[in-house]
Amino acid sequence: MPKSILLPLCLLGAVAGCAIKPENPVDYYTFRNQPLVRQVEDGMSRQEVLRIGGTPSSEVARQLHPGTCHNYILNEGGVQQPYYVTFDSAGRVDGKGFMTCERHEANRRELEQKL
């Protein structure tokens, strides 16, 4: 491959890698049409999320930052997947993803310890 093409491809790969959440892309593909995944956005109120996703499996207080976290279990074709939605101290969405609240909190704790 010519060097003139190789460098732009490497740069594109590096930039694309920074933009991807460290979650399994298969989870997003499998559950992309679930209302919580498709409709919940940062800044939404707790009430809006409850209207979209219903009652969570559990709600836990966040330890590192003020706020709460909702655990949900998504179901698609018999496959179950944990999904969390975090809320800041004002009750607004500030995060979501394909893991439990507890795993998300542990990941955040590990990241903050490294910094």
C-alpha atoms as a PDB file:
ATOM      1  CA  MET A   1       0.000   0.000   0.000  1.00  0.00           C
ATOM      2  CA  PRO A   2       1.421   3.432  -0.887  1.00  0.00           C
ATOM      3  CA  LYS A   3       2.597   5.519   2.088  1.00  0.00           C
ATOM      4  CA  SER A   4       0.442   8.443   0.917  1.00  0.00           C
ATOM      5  CA  ILE A   5      -2.673   6.354   1.622  1.00  0.00           C
ATOM      6  CA  LEU A   6      -1.420   4.602   4.745  1.00  0.00           C
ATOM      7  CA  LEU A   7      -0.987   7.723   6.898  1.00  0.00           C
ATOM      8  CA  PRO A   8      -4.536   9.075   6.374  1.00  0.00           C
ATOM      9  CA  LEU A   9      -5.967   5.614   7.108  1.00  0.00           C
ATOM     10  CA  CYS A  10      -3.998   5.389  10.365  1.00  0.00           C
ATOM     11  CA  LEU A  11      -5.149   8.859  11.421  1.00  0.00           C
ATOM     12  CA  LEU A  12      -8.769   8.025  10.595  1.00  0.00           C
ATOM     13  CA  GLY A  13      -8.548   4.839  12.656  1.00  0.00           C
ATOM     14  CA  ALA A  14      -7.066   6.700  15.624  1.00  0.00           C
ATOM     15  CA  VAL A  15      -9.745   9.383  15.566  1.00  0.00           C
ATOM     16  CA  ALA A  16     -12.551   6.849  15.147  1.00  0.00           C
ATOM     17  CA  GLY A  17     -11.205   4.834  18.071  1.00  0.00           C
ATOM     18  CA  CYS A  18     -11.417   7.851  20.374  1.00  0.00           C
ATOM     19  CA  ALA A  19     -15.072   8.421  19.551  1.00  0.00           C
ATOM     20  CA  ILE A  20     -16.241   4.894  20.402  1.00  0.00           C
ATOM     21  CA  LYS A  21     -17.531   4.039  23.875  1.00  0.00           C
ATOM     22  CA  PRO A  22     -15.780   1.049  25.447  1.00  0.00           C
ATOM     23  CA  GLU A  23     -18.869  -1.116  25.081  1.00  0.00           C
ATOM     24  CA  ASN A  24     -19.631  -4.074  22.892  1.00  0.00           C
ATOM     25  CA  PRO A  25     -20.946  -2.741  19.547  1.00  0.00           C
ATOM     26  CA  VAL A  26     -22.973  -5.943  19.152  1.00  0.00           C
ATOM     27  CA  ASP A  27     -25.054  -4.863  22.178  1.00  0.00           C
ATOM     28  CA  TYR A  28     -25.867  -1.542  20.543  1.00  0.00           C
ATOM     29  CA  TYR A  29     -26.761  -3.258  17.259  1.00  0.00           C
ATOM     30  CA  THR A  30     -28.926  -5.883  18.984  1.00  0.00           C
ATOM     31  CA  PHE A  31     -30.784  -3.446  21.239  1.00  0.00           C
ATOM     32  CA  ARG A  32     -30.701  -0.258  19.111  1.00  0.00           C
ATOM     33  CA  ASN A  33     -34.486  -0.198  18.668  1.00  0.00           C
ATOM     34  CA  GLN A  34     -35.265  -0.515  22.365  1.00  0.00           C
ATOM     35  CA  PRO A  35     -36.920   2.719  23.567  1.00  0.00           C
ATOM     36  CA  LEU A  36     -34.308   3.351  26.289  1.00  0.00           C
ATOM     37  CA  VAL A  37     -31.463   3.030  23.793  1.00  0.00           C
ATOM     38  CA  ARG A  38     -33.127   4.896  20.939  1.00  0.00           C
ATOM     39  CA  GLN A  39     -34.931   7.706  22.772  1.00  0.00           C
ATOM     40  CA  VAL A  40     -33.152   8.562  26.024  1.00  0.00           C
ATOM     41  CA  GLU A  41     -30.719  11.467  25.652  1.00  0.00           C
ATOM     42  CA  ASP A  42     -28.461  13.435  27.978  1.00  0.00           C
ATOM     43  CA  GLY A  43     -30.345  16.216  29.737  1.00  0.00           C
ATOM     44  CA  MET A  44     -33.720  14.420  29.849  1.00  0.00           C
ATOM     45  CA  SER A  45     -35.568  14.468  33.145  1.00  0.00           C
ATOM     46  CA  ARG A  46     -36.075  11.420  35.326  1.00  0.00           C
ATOM     47  CA  GLN A  47     -39.830  11.589  34.574  1.00  0.00           C
ATOM     48  CA  GLU A  48     -39.199  11.490  30.817  1.00  0.00           C
ATOM     49  CA  VAL A  49     -36.993   8.408  31.218  1.00  0.00           C
ATOM     50  CA  LEU A  50     -39.622   6.686  33.370  1.00  0.00           C
ATOM     51  CA  ARG A  51     -42.255   7.387  30.683  1.00  0.00           C
ATOM     52  CA  ILE A  52     -39.993   5.835  28.042  1.00  0.00           C
ATOM     53  CA  GLY A  53     -38.534   2.899  29.964  1.00  0.00           C
ATOM     54  CA  GLY A  54     -40.977   2.294  32.766  1.00  0.00           C
ATOM     55  CA  THR A  55     -40.025   1.313  36.283  1.00  0.00           C
ATOM     56  CA  PRO A  56     -36.361   0.286  36.511  1.00  0.00           C
ATOM     57  CA  SER A  57     -35.268  -3.053  37.976  1.00  0.00           C
ATOM     58  CA  SER A  58     -33.530  -1.059  40.704  1.00  0.00           C
ATOM     59  CA  GLU A  59     -32.424   2.449  41.593  1.00  0.00           C
ATOM     60  CA  VAL A  60     -29.130   3.061  43.366  1.00  0.00           C
ATOM     61  CA  ALA A  61     -27.484   6.139  44.810  1.00  0.00           C
ATOM     62  CA  ARG A  62     -24.260   7.095  43.063  1.00  0.00           C
ATOM     63  CA  GLN A  63     -21.172   7.137  45.262  1.00  0.00           C
ATOM     64  CA  LEU A  64     -18.632   9.167  43.260  1.00  0.00           C
ATOM     65  CA  HIS A  65     -20.899  11.976  42.096  1.00  0.00           C
ATOM     66  CA  PRO A  66     -24.244  13.134  43.496  1.00  0.00           C
ATOM     67  CA  GLY A  67     -27.224  11.557  41.785  1.00  0.00           C
ATOM     68  CA  THR A  68     -28.859   8.224  41.127  1.00  0.00           C
ATOM     69  CA  CYS A  69     -28.682   5.391  38.626  1.00  0.00           C
ATOM     70  CA  HIS A  70     -31.429   3.179  37.199  1.00  0.00           C
ATOM     71  CA  ASN A  71     -30.774  -0.449  36.298  1.00  0.00           C
ATOM     72  CA  TYR A  72     -32.875  -1.882  33.474  1.00  0.00           C
ATOM     73  CA  ILE A  73     -32.876  -5.290  31.804  1.00  0.00           C
ATOM     74  CA  LEU A  74     -33.381  -5.068  28.053  1.00  0.00           C
ATOM     75  CA  ASN A  75     -34.930  -8.045  26.265  1.00  0.00           C
ATOM     76  CA  GLU A  76     -34.623  -8.708  22.540  1.00  0.00           C
ATOM     77  CA  GLY A  77     -35.432 -12.077  20.991  1.00  0.00           C
ATOM     78  CA  GLY A  78     -34.883 -13.889  24.273  1.00  0.00           C
ATOM     79  CA  VAL A  79     -31.510 -12.196  24.862  1.00  0.00           C
ATOM     80  CA  GLN A  80     -31.233 -10.142  28.050  1.00  0.00           C
ATOM     81  CA  GLN A  81     -28.811  -7.270  28.567  1.00  0.00           C
ATOM     82  CA  PRO A  82     -28.303  -4.923  31.536  1.00  0.00           C
ATOM     83  CA  TYR A  83     -28.589  -1.218  30.745  1.00  0.00           C
ATOM     84  CA  TYR A  84     -28.048   1.748  33.045  1.00  0.00           C
ATOM     85  CA  VAL A  85     -29.213   5.358  32.988  1.00  0.00           C
ATOM     86  CA  THR A  86     -27.515   7.823  35.355  1.00  0.00           C
ATOM     87  CA  PHE A  87     -28.993  11.054  36.668  1.00  0.00           C
ATOM     88  CA  ASP A  88     -27.148  14.025  38.134  1.00  0.00           C
ATOM     89  CA  SER A  89     -28.179  15.744  41.373  1.00  0.00           C
ATOM     90  CA  ALA A  90     -30.782  17.778  39.438  1.00  0.00           C
ATOM     91  CA  GLY A  91     -32.443  14.584  38.130  1.00  0.00           C
ATOM     92  CA  ARG A  92     -31.177  14.955  34.555  1.00  0.00           C
ATOM     93  CA  VAL A  93     -29.660  12.152  32.452  1.00  0.00           C
ATOM     94  CA  ASP A  94     -25.881  12.379  32.339  1.00  0.00           C
ATOM     95  CA  GLY A  95     -24.991   8.881  31.154  1.00  0.00           C
ATOM     96  CA  LYS A  96     -26.265   5.548  29.858  1.00  0.00           C
ATOM     97  CA  GLY A  97     -24.872   2.293  28.586  1.00  0.00           C
ATOM     98  CA  PHE A  98     -24.801  -1.482  28.377  1.00  0.00           C
ATOM     99  CA  MET A  99     -23.825  -2.543  31.884  1.00  0.00           C
ATOM    100  CA  THR A 100     -25.214  -2.346  35.411  1.00  0.00           C
ATOM    101  CA  CYS A 101     -25.056   0.779  37.549  1.00  0.00           C
ATOM    102  CA  GLU A 102     -22.693  -1.052  39.857  1.00  0.00           C
ATOM    103  CA  ARG A 103     -20.291  -1.963  37.020  1.00  0.00           C
ATOM    104  CA  HIS A 104     -20.455   1.595  35.671  1.00  0.00           C
ATOM    105  CA  GLU A 105     -19.642   3.011  39.108  1.00  0.00           C
ATOM    106  CA  ALA A 106     -16.717   0.579  39.511  1.00  0.00           C
ATOM    107  CA  ASN A 107     -15.379   1.577  36.065  1.00  0.00           C
ATOM    108  CA  ARG A 108     -15.609   5.269  36.979  1.00  0.00           C
ATOM    109  CA  ARG A 109     -13.842   4.646  40.278  1.00  0.00           C
ATOM    110  CA  GLU A 110     -11.003   2.806  38.504  1.00  0.00           C
ATOM    111  CA  LEU A 111     -10.687   5.579  35.923  1.00  0.00           C
ATOM    112  CA  GLU A 112     -10.562   8.321  38.544  1.00  0.00           C
ATOM    113  CA  GLN A 113      -7.910   6.432  40.514  1.00  0.00           C
ATOM    114  CA  LYS A 114      -5.726   6.268  37.398  1.00  0.00           C
ATOM    115  CA  LEU A 115      -6.013  10.004  36.831  1.00  0.00           C
END
